[in-house]
Protein backbone atom coordinates (compact mmCIF):
# COMPACT_ATOMS: atom_id res chain seq x y z
CA MET A 1 -12.66 9.65 -3.70
CA LYS A 2 -11.01 6.57 -1.99
CA TYR A 3 -7.73 7.50 -2.79
CA GLN A 4 -8.12 11.08 -1.55
CA ARG A 5 -9.14 9.39 1.90
CA ILE A 6 -6.44 7.22 1.80
CA ILE A 7 -3.90 10.63 1.38
CA ASP A 8 -6.38 12.01 4.12
CA TYR A 9 -5.30 9.53 6.63
CA ILE A 10 -1.57 9.39 5.90
CA LYS A 11 -1.22 13.32 5.96
CA SER A 12 -2.95 13.10 9.44
CA ASP A 13 -0.98 10.75 10.78
CA SER A 14 -3.95 8.35 11.02
CA TYR A 15 -2.59 4.88 9.97
CA PHE A 16 -1.38 2.02 11.91
CA VAL A 17 1.69 -0.20 10.02
CA THR A 18 1.03 -3.91 11.28
CA SER A 19 4.21 -5.87 12.68
CA HIS A 20 3.94 -8.03 9.42
CA ALA A 21 4.29 -4.73 7.28
CA ARG A 22 7.15 -3.66 9.59
CA ASN A 23 8.96 -6.92 8.98
CA ARG A 24 8.53 -6.72 5.30
CA MET A 25 9.67 -3.15 5.25
CA ALA A 26 13.17 -3.90 7.16
CA GLU A 27 13.51 -6.97 4.65
CA ARG A 28 12.97 -4.68 1.94
CA GLU A 29 14.73 -1.48 3.37
CA ILE A 30 11.58 0.61 2.71
CA SER A 31 11.49 3.42 5.71
CA THR A 32 8.43 4.75 7.17
CA SER A 33 8.98 7.98 5.22
CA GLN A 34 9.42 6.16 1.87
CA LEU A 35 6.30 4.14 2.78
CA GLU A 36 4.43 7.11 3.22
CA ASP A 37 5.58 8.61 0.25
CA ALA A 38 4.89 5.62 -1.98
CA ILE A 39 1.30 5.72 -0.47
CA LEU A 40 0.94 9.59 -1.43
CA CYS A 41 2.19 9.08 -5.05
CA GLY A 42 0.26 5.85 -5.72
CA GLU A 43 -2.76 4.49 -7.04
CA ILE A 44 -5.10 1.85 -6.41
CA ILE A 45 -4.66 -1.09 -8.96
CA GLU A 46 -6.72 -3.68 -7.25
CA SER A 47 -9.98 -3.60 -4.80
CA TYR A 48 -10.85 -6.26 -2.23
CA GLU A 49 -14.18 -4.36 -0.85
CA GLY A 50 -15.25 -7.45 0.86
CA ASP A 51 -12.36 -8.02 3.05
CA LEU A 52 -12.68 -7.87 6.92
CA PRO A 53 -12.68 -6.22 9.22
CA CYS A 54 -12.62 -3.41 6.21
CA PRO A 55 -12.06 -3.20 2.58
CA SER A 56 -8.54 -3.25 1.54
CA TYR A 57 -6.54 -2.33 -1.23
CA LEU A 58 -3.81 -2.75 -3.29
CA LEU A 59 -1.59 0.51 -4.07
CA LEU A 60 1.12 0.76 -6.89
CA SER A 61 3.55 3.83 -6.28
CA THR A 62 6.72 5.18 -8.10
CA ALA A 63 7.78 7.46 -5.70
CA ASN A 64 11.51 8.13 -5.02
CA ASN A 65 12.27 5.51 -7.81
CA ILE A 66 10.83 2.62 -5.93
CA SER A 67 7.54 0.83 -7.29
CA PRO A 68 6.40 -1.09 -4.34
CA HIS A 69 2.97 -2.54 -4.03
CA ILE A 70 1.54 -1.71 -0.76
CA VAL A 71 -1.84 -3.44 0.73
CA ILE A 72 -3.64 -1.34 3.04
CA GLY A 73 -7.01 -1.78 5.00
CA MET A 74 -9.12 1.26 4.76
CA CYS A 75 -11.09 1.41 8.40
CA LYS A 76 -13.64 3.74 9.33
CA ASP A 77 -11.10 6.03 11.18
CA HIS A 78 -7.52 5.07 9.97
CA LEU A 79 -5.50 3.01 7.57
CA ARG A 80 -4.10 -0.20 8.25
CA ILE A 81 -0.76 -1.17 6.44
CA ILE A 82 -0.89 -4.67 5.90
CA THR A 83 2.34 -5.46 3.92
CA CYS A 84 4.45 -4.20 1.13
CA TYR A 85 6.74 -5.76 -1.43
CA TYR A 86 8.18 -5.24 -4.70
CA PRO A 87 6.41 -7.18 -7.62
CA ASP A 88 7.76 -10.10 -9.08
CA GLU A 89 8.30 -9.42 -12.91
CA ASN A 90 7.02 -13.13 -13.52
CA GLU A 91 3.58 -12.66 -11.53
CA TRP A 92 3.12 -9.02 -12.88
CA ILE A 93 2.90 -7.22 -16.36
CA ASN A 94 4.24 -3.47 -15.86
CA TYR A 95 3.30 -4.23 -11.90
CA ARG A 96 -0.57 -3.16 -12.97
CA GLU A 97 -1.75 -6.27 -14.22
CA ARG A 98 -1.40 -9.92 -12.89
CA ARG A 99 -0.12 -12.44 -15.54
CA GLN A 100 -2.44 -15.23 -16.29
């Protein structure tokens, strides 16, 4: 249900990419179209329901042979792309579970 809402926001161009996320995308050579594809082909791996001003989620994607993590905020009428990065193998197990 939540993921379908995320997909709907992306498909309707109802999202905002923060300047922080734009900087990280540039550093990691992730284009806007790759970001969109990554979100459309991803899954929620962590939820932060108590975040303000809106709940946020950590997504994992395998679109286009890239596997970035993308942090999004799901506001009432749009998504906010907060950051994106490639998971560090020292911190993640299969990119889905944090190491202890």
